[in-house]
Amino acid sequence: MKELDCPKCPASPMDQKTVDGVAIDECPRCGGRWYDLGELGRSMKDPYRFQKAAEGGGVIKPRPGSALCPHCAKTMINGGLINEFLRVDLCQGCRGMWLDKNETGLVGRLLQA
């Protein structure tokens, strides 16, 4: 398996860990997490509710980002996930998603609201 660098911490390799049965990559420096396509939904307590909330597969009010995708090395877009205030980075190539530390928990709380 190819080692992935953190999109936010240059030259900082991420550690692979299992969260709720899903293998994800996490930066040991900043605590952010990289989710390959579909992994974020599978890691939620209610995957169906997440799928319904994130229909369309894109982000809300996208704008150019500055983070590079750890797989494609393309600049990702930044936009809202579930609502416009929870900003995440999305790769338009591989459809992977970067969430800063604690944003995964915010996704769960927004789904329960």
Protein backbone atom coordinates (compact mmCIF):
# COMPACT_ATOMS: atom_id res chain seq x y z
CA MET A 1 0.00 0.00 0.00
CA LYS A 2 1.34 3.42 -0.97
CA GLU A 3 2.14 5.77 1.89
CA LEU A 4 0.07 8.96 1.67
CA ASP A 5 1.20 12.41 2.75
CA CYS A 6 -1.14 14.71 4.67
CA PRO A 7 -2.80 17.33 2.42
CA LYS A 8 -2.35 19.98 5.12
CA CYS A 9 1.06 19.08 6.63
CA PRO A 10 3.63 18.92 3.82
CA ALA A 11 5.88 15.84 3.81
CA SER A 12 4.05 14.34 6.78
CA PRO A 13 3.04 10.72 6.11
CA MET A 14 -0.34 9.62 7.40
CA ASP A 15 -0.94 6.53 9.52
CA GLN A 16 -3.54 4.00 8.46
CA LYS A 17 -6.01 3.10 11.18
CA THR A 18 -9.36 1.37 11.43
CA VAL A 19 -12.32 3.45 12.62
CA ASP A 20 -15.67 1.69 13.02
CA GLY A 21 -14.46 -1.11 10.76
CA VAL A 22 -13.26 1.23 7.98
CA ALA A 23 -9.54 1.66 7.15
CA ILE A 24 -8.75 5.38 6.87
CA ASP A 25 -5.62 7.54 6.82
CA GLU A 26 -4.97 9.99 9.66
CA CYS A 27 -2.24 12.59 10.06
CA PRO A 28 -0.34 12.15 13.35
CA ARG A 29 0.56 15.87 13.35
CA CYS A 30 -2.75 17.66 12.75
CA GLY A 31 -5.24 14.83 13.41
CA GLY A 32 -7.05 15.31 10.09
CA ARG A 33 -8.43 12.31 8.23
CA TRP A 34 -8.46 11.25 4.58
CA TYR A 35 -11.47 9.28 3.39
CA ASP A 36 -11.37 7.50 0.04
CA LEU A 37 -14.63 7.49 -1.92
CA GLY A 38 -17.39 5.93 0.20
CA GLU A 39 -15.35 5.49 3.37
CA LEU A 40 -16.85 8.44 5.26
CA GLY A 41 -20.39 7.18 4.78
CA ARG A 42 -19.43 3.66 5.86
CA SER A 43 -17.82 5.02 9.03
CA MET A 44 -21.00 6.83 10.15
CA LYS A 45 -23.33 5.27 12.74
CA ASP A 46 -26.18 5.70 10.25
CA PRO A 47 -24.72 5.27 6.73
CA TYR A 48 -28.16 5.59 5.10
CA ARG A 49 -28.80 8.97 6.75
CA PHE A 50 -25.37 10.18 5.65
CA GLN A 51 -26.01 9.02 2.09
CA LYS A 52 -29.33 10.91 1.96
CA ALA A 53 -27.76 14.07 3.43
CA ALA A 54 -24.79 13.99 1.04
CA GLU A 55 -26.76 13.15 -2.13
CA GLY A 56 -25.21 14.54 -5.25
CA GLY A 57 -21.68 13.63 -4.18
CA GLY A 58 -20.43 17.20 -4.30
CA VAL A 59 -19.97 19.99 -1.83
CA ILE A 60 -22.09 23.05 -1.12
CA LYS A 61 -20.80 26.43 -2.35
CA PRO A 62 -17.48 25.06 -3.66
CA ARG A 63 -14.46 27.29 -4.06
CA PRO A 64 -10.85 26.61 -5.03
CA GLY A 65 -8.87 25.09 -2.20
CA SER A 66 -5.16 24.95 -1.49
CA ALA A 67 -4.75 21.36 -0.27
CA LEU A 68 -3.37 18.72 -2.62
CA CYS A 69 -5.01 15.32 -2.95
CA PRO A 70 -2.72 12.67 -1.46
CA HIS A 71 -3.61 10.25 -4.29
CA CYS A 72 -3.86 12.47 -7.40
CA ALA A 73 -1.68 15.41 -6.29
CA LYS A 74 -4.38 17.72 -7.76
CA THR A 75 -5.60 20.81 -5.93
CA MET A 76 -8.86 19.99 -4.20
CA ILE A 77 -11.97 22.14 -3.91
CA ASN A 78 -13.29 23.35 -0.57
CA GLY A 79 -16.99 23.34 0.22
CA GLY A 80 -19.71 22.53 2.68
CA LEU A 81 -20.64 18.99 3.60
CA ILE A 82 -24.28 18.52 4.71
CA ASN A 83 -24.43 22.29 5.31
CA GLU A 84 -22.40 25.19 3.98
CA PHE A 85 -20.61 25.87 7.28
CA LEU A 86 -18.85 22.50 7.67
CA ARG A 87 -16.09 23.06 5.08
CA VAL A 88 -14.21 20.01 3.76
CA ASP A 89 -11.74 19.43 0.93
CA LEU A 90 -12.89 17.24 -1.97
CA CYS A 91 -10.79 15.85 -4.81
CA GLN A 92 -12.66 16.12 -8.08
CA GLY A 93 -10.48 13.36 -9.56
CA CYS A 94 -10.69 10.41 -7.16
CA ARG A 95 -13.59 11.86 -5.08
CA GLY A 96 -11.64 11.39 -1.83
CA MET A 97 -12.35 13.78 1.03
CA TRP A 98 -10.23 15.47 3.70
CA LEU A 99 -11.73 16.41 7.06
CA ASP A 100 -9.79 18.41 9.61
CA LYS A 101 -9.55 17.13 13.19
CA ASN A 102 -12.98 16.88 14.88
CA GLU A 103 -14.95 17.46 11.65
CA THR A 104 -15.90 13.78 11.45
CA GLY A 105 -17.66 14.18 14.81
CA LEU A 106 -19.41 17.30 13.54
CA VAL A 107 -20.77 15.35 10.56
CA GLY A 108 -22.27 12.83 13.01
CA ARG A 109 -23.85 15.57 15.13
CA LEU A 110 -25.30 17.33 12.08
CA LEU A 111 -26.91 14.09 10.97
CA GLN A 112 -28.59 13.69 14.37
CA ALA A 113 -29.96 17.25 14.35
